[in-house]
Amino acid sequence: MTKKLMTLLLAVLACMSASAQVQFGAKVGVDLTNFWGKDVGHKMALNYQAGLVMEYKFSHAFAVSPEVVFASQGNGKRSLYEEGWVGEEPTSTTMISHQVNYINVPVMLKYYATPAFSIDFGPQVGFNVYSKYTIKSNDGDRDYKYVTNNKKYTKAVDFGLGLGGTYNLTDNAFVQARYTLGLTSVFKSGFNESKNGNIQLAFGMKF
């Protein structure tokens, strides 16, 4: 009985190895990003991403795809009033936006519903490389813009979950749509509990 089980296991592993395919590639895309959470407004910002991908297809239906992607994230412009600054009026002309740039490393499990289309789901860890805080104001005669480094107030690591799909246009070209939901606060203690939200649309090539 044991020999039969070992033979069956070896046969399964041999089939998996024979059908396994590894591809490397790159992708670029546009993102709609924001912060979500308690007392956080959902102002979207147009951002971008670019990075490298790998796909290990270990059966006709399943694959795993780790990525290393540079992504610019954050929220859209909000007035001081929307940010909750005391004494500000709803008509405040002073606008604030936050931007945090990450090196994101998602690891997606891919289920191929058809030979060309996969449903992708998996965890993501992001490493904060730069964070900035932009204030724009108008006094009636001229515009003012202030940009400050905000990295010391933002966390070094971000965790999230991604869900989306990939459509292979050819054996090498693909398009991808994904939403990544942040699970941890962007800012350190003492600030609000904003979390990242990221809608991603990307085009890529496998080699």
Protein backbone atom coordinates (compact mmCIF):
# COMPACT_ATOMS: atom_id res chain seq x y z
CA MET A 1 0.00 0.00 0.00
CA THR A 2 2.80 2.39 0.92
CA LYS A 3 4.60 1.67 -2.36
CA LYS A 4 1.42 2.41 -4.29
CA LEU A 5 0.96 5.72 -2.51
CA MET A 6 4.58 6.68 -3.15
CA THR A 7 4.24 5.73 -6.80
CA LEU A 8 1.05 7.80 -7.09
CA LEU A 9 2.69 10.79 -5.35
CA LEU A 10 5.73 10.61 -7.63
CA ALA A 11 3.46 10.40 -10.66
CA VAL A 12 1.52 13.50 -9.52
CA LEU A 13 4.76 15.44 -8.88
CA ALA A 14 6.11 14.39 -12.26
CA CYS A 15 2.95 15.61 -13.97
CA MET A 16 3.13 18.92 -12.10
CA SER A 17 6.78 19.39 -13.03
CA ALA A 18 6.10 18.54 -16.66
CA SER A 19 3.22 21.02 -16.87
CA ALA A 20 4.90 23.77 -14.86
CA GLN A 21 5.73 26.97 -16.71
CA VAL A 22 7.73 29.94 -15.48
CA GLN A 23 7.51 33.34 -17.15
CA PHE A 24 9.03 36.70 -16.25
CA GLY A 25 7.81 40.09 -17.35
CA ALA A 26 7.13 43.75 -16.63
CA LYS A 27 4.05 45.91 -16.29
CA VAL A 28 3.02 49.57 -16.11
CA GLY A 29 -0.30 51.08 -15.20
CA VAL A 30 -2.46 53.82 -13.80
CA ASP A 31 -3.97 53.72 -10.33
CA LEU A 32 -6.88 55.44 -8.62
CA THR A 33 -5.83 55.66 -4.98
CA ASN A 34 -7.35 56.96 -1.78
CA PHE A 35 -7.45 56.52 1.98
CA TRP A 36 -10.29 54.75 3.72
CA GLY A 37 -11.27 54.26 7.36
CA LYS A 38 -12.98 56.05 10.20
CA ASP A 39 -13.46 59.80 9.60
CA VAL A 40 -11.57 59.59 6.32
CA GLY A 41 -12.96 61.13 3.13
CA HIS A 42 -12.79 59.09 -0.07
CA LYS A 43 -11.04 61.55 -2.36
CA MET A 44 -9.42 59.71 -5.26
CA ALA A 45 -6.04 60.60 -6.75
CA LEU A 46 -4.66 59.58 -10.15
CA ASN A 47 -1.32 57.81 -9.68
CA TYR A 48 0.88 55.23 -11.39
CA GLN A 49 2.74 51.95 -10.96
CA ALA A 50 5.56 50.10 -12.70
CA GLY A 51 7.36 46.89 -11.89
CA LEU A 52 8.42 43.33 -12.55
CA VAL A 53 6.31 40.17 -12.46
CA MET A 54 6.91 36.44 -12.40
CA GLU A 55 4.38 33.68 -12.97
CA TYR A 56 4.86 30.04 -12.02
CA LYS A 57 2.06 27.96 -13.51
CA PHE A 58 2.11 24.61 -11.77
CA SER A 59 -1.05 23.19 -13.41
CA HIS A 60 -3.44 24.09 -16.21
CA ALA A 61 -5.70 25.92 -13.73
CA PHE A 62 -3.43 27.33 -11.00
CA ALA A 63 -0.39 29.60 -10.83
CA VAL A 64 1.39 31.82 -8.33
CA SER A 65 2.64 35.25 -9.34
CA PRO A 66 4.94 37.34 -7.13
CA GLU A 67 5.59 40.93 -8.21
CA VAL A 68 7.89 43.81 -7.26
CA VAL A 69 6.15 47.09 -8.11
CA PHE A 70 6.88 50.75 -7.46
CA ALA A 71 3.55 52.46 -6.76
CA SER A 72 2.62 56.03 -5.96
CA GLN A 73 -0.38 56.09 -3.60
CA GLY A 74 -2.31 58.55 -1.46
CA ASN A 75 -5.47 60.63 -1.45
CA GLY A 76 -6.84 63.43 -3.60
CA LYS A 77 -7.02 67.09 -2.64
CA ARG A 78 -9.14 67.96 0.39
CA SER A 79 -9.84 71.34 1.93
CA LEU A 80 -8.76 72.19 5.46
CA TYR A 81 -12.44 72.03 6.40
CA GLU A 82 -12.74 68.46 5.06
CA GLU A 83 -9.55 67.53 6.91
CA GLY A 84 -11.18 68.66 10.16
CA TRP A 85 -9.05 71.71 10.91
CA VAL A 86 -10.70 73.82 13.62
CA GLY A 87 -11.95 77.24 12.57
CA GLU A 88 -11.94 76.58 8.84
CA GLU A 89 -14.97 77.27 6.68
CA PRO A 90 -16.44 74.93 4.04
CA THR A 91 -15.28 77.40 1.39
CA SER A 92 -11.61 77.19 2.44
CA THR A 93 -9.27 77.58 -0.56
CA THR A 94 -6.40 75.79 1.18
CA MET A 95 -6.12 72.24 -0.17
CA ILE A 96 -4.16 69.34 1.29
CA SER A 97 -3.08 66.01 -0.21
CA HIS A 98 -0.91 63.13 0.99
CA GLN A 99 1.27 60.95 -1.21
CA VAL A 100 3.14 57.82 -0.13
CA ASN A 101 5.40 55.92 -2.53
CA TYR A 102 5.87 52.21 -1.92
CA ILE A 103 7.81 49.26 -3.21
CA ASN A 104 4.94 46.78 -3.17
CA VAL A 105 5.45 43.01 -3.18
CA PRO A 106 2.14 41.22 -3.88
CA VAL A 107 2.04 37.43 -4.13
CA MET A 108 -1.04 36.48 -6.11
CA LEU A 109 -2.60 33.04 -6.38
CA LYS A 110 -4.11 32.80 -9.86
CA TYR A 111 -7.01 30.56 -10.83
CA TYR A 112 -7.42 30.22 -14.60
CA ALA A 113 -11.18 30.16 -15.20
CA THR A 114 -10.39 29.98 -18.93
CA PRO A 115 -7.07 29.48 -20.74
CA ALA A 116 -6.78 33.26 -21.17
CA PHE A 117 -8.39 34.66 -18.01
CA SER A 118 -7.37 34.26 -14.38
CA ILE A 119 -8.89 35.39 -11.10
CA ASP A 120 -6.11 36.70 -8.85
CA PHE A 121 -6.07 36.92 -5.06
CA GLY A 122 -3.31 37.29 -2.49
CA PRO A 123 -1.50 39.30 0.17
CA GLN A 124 0.72 42.32 -0.39
CA VAL A 125 3.44 43.96 1.67
CA GLY A 126 4.54 47.50 0.85
CA PHE A 127 7.76 49.27 1.89
CA ASN A 128 7.51 53.04 2.29
CA VAL A 129 10.24 54.80 0.31
CA TYR A 130 8.96 58.38 0.34
CA SER A 131 6.03 60.28 1.80
CA LYS A 132 5.05 63.88 1.16
CA TYR A 133 2.43 66.34 2.33
CA THR A 134 1.34 69.00 -0.17
CA ILE A 135 -0.53 72.20 0.75
CA LYS A 136 -1.90 74.50 -1.93
CA SER A 137 -3.49 77.84 -1.13
CA ASN A 138 -4.82 80.90 -2.94
CA ASP A 139 -4.98 84.34 -1.32
CA GLY A 140 -6.89 85.87 -4.22
CA ASP A 141 -3.85 87.23 -6.05
CA ARG A 142 -1.49 84.27 -6.32
CA ASP A 143 -1.19 80.56 -5.64
CA TYR A 144 1.06 79.08 -2.97
CA LYS A 145 2.36 75.52 -2.85
CA TYR A 146 4.20 73.89 0.03
CA VAL A 147 5.64 70.37 -0.12
CA THR A 148 7.12 68.72 2.96
CA ASN A 149 8.65 65.30 3.60
CA ASN A 150 6.16 63.38 5.73
CA LYS A 151 7.96 60.04 6.01
CA LYS A 152 8.65 60.31 9.74
CA TYR A 153 4.88 60.40 10.34
CA THR A 154 4.04 57.42 8.10
CA LYS A 155 4.66 53.75 8.80
CA ALA A 156 7.56 51.98 7.12
CA VAL A 157 5.54 48.89 6.16
CA ASP A 158 2.01 48.49 4.80
CA PHE A 159 -0.02 45.29 4.51
CA GLY A 160 -2.97 44.61 2.23
CA LEU A 161 -5.01 42.10 0.23
CA GLY A 162 -5.49 42.20 -3.51
CA LEU A 163 -8.32 40.84 -5.67
CA GLY A 164 -8.63 41.15 -9.42
CA GLY A 165 -8.18 39.51 -12.76
CA THR A 166 -5.69 39.11 -15.60
CA TYR A 167 -6.55 38.64 -19.25
CA ASN A 168 -3.84 37.30 -21.55
CA LEU A 169 -4.19 39.06 -24.90
CA THR A 170 -1.48 36.81 -26.39
CA ASP A 171 1.08 34.37 -25.00
CA ASN A 172 3.14 37.39 -23.96
CA ALA A 173 0.86 40.45 -23.58
CA PHE A 174 -1.70 40.86 -20.80
CA VAL A 175 -4.00 43.41 -19.18
CA GLN A 176 -4.79 43.43 -15.50
CA ALA A 177 -7.32 44.98 -13.13
CA ARG A 178 -7.02 44.76 -9.36
CA TYR A 179 -8.21 46.35 -6.14
CA THR A 180 -5.86 46.29 -3.16
CA LEU A 181 -7.37 46.93 0.26
CA GLY A 182 -4.97 48.20 2.91
CA LEU A 183 -5.23 46.45 6.28
CA THR A 184 -2.92 48.62 8.37
CA SER A 185 -2.87 52.34 9.11
CA VAL A 186 -0.73 54.49 6.83
CA PHE A 187 0.20 56.92 9.59
CA LYS A 188 1.90 56.35 12.92
CA SER A 189 0.01 56.59 16.23
CA GLY A 190 -1.36 60.02 17.01
CA PHE A 191 -2.70 60.58 13.51
CA ASN A 192 -5.89 59.31 11.89
CA GLU A 193 -6.40 55.65 11.07
CA SER A 194 -6.27 56.02 7.28
CA LYS A 195 -5.67 52.86 5.26
CA ASN A 196 -4.71 52.56 1.61
CA GLY A 197 -7.18 51.77 -1.15
CA ASN A 198 -5.85 51.18 -4.66
CA ILE A 199 -7.67 50.49 -7.95
CA GLN A 200 -5.10 49.31 -10.50
CA LEU A 201 -5.27 49.04 -14.29
CA ALA A 202 -2.11 47.72 -15.91
CA PHE A 203 -0.64 46.47 -19.17
CA GLY A 204 2.27 44.04 -19.19
CA MET A 205 4.52 41.80 -21.24
CA LYS A 206 5.87 38.36 -20.36
CA PHE A 207 9.15 37.12 -21.80
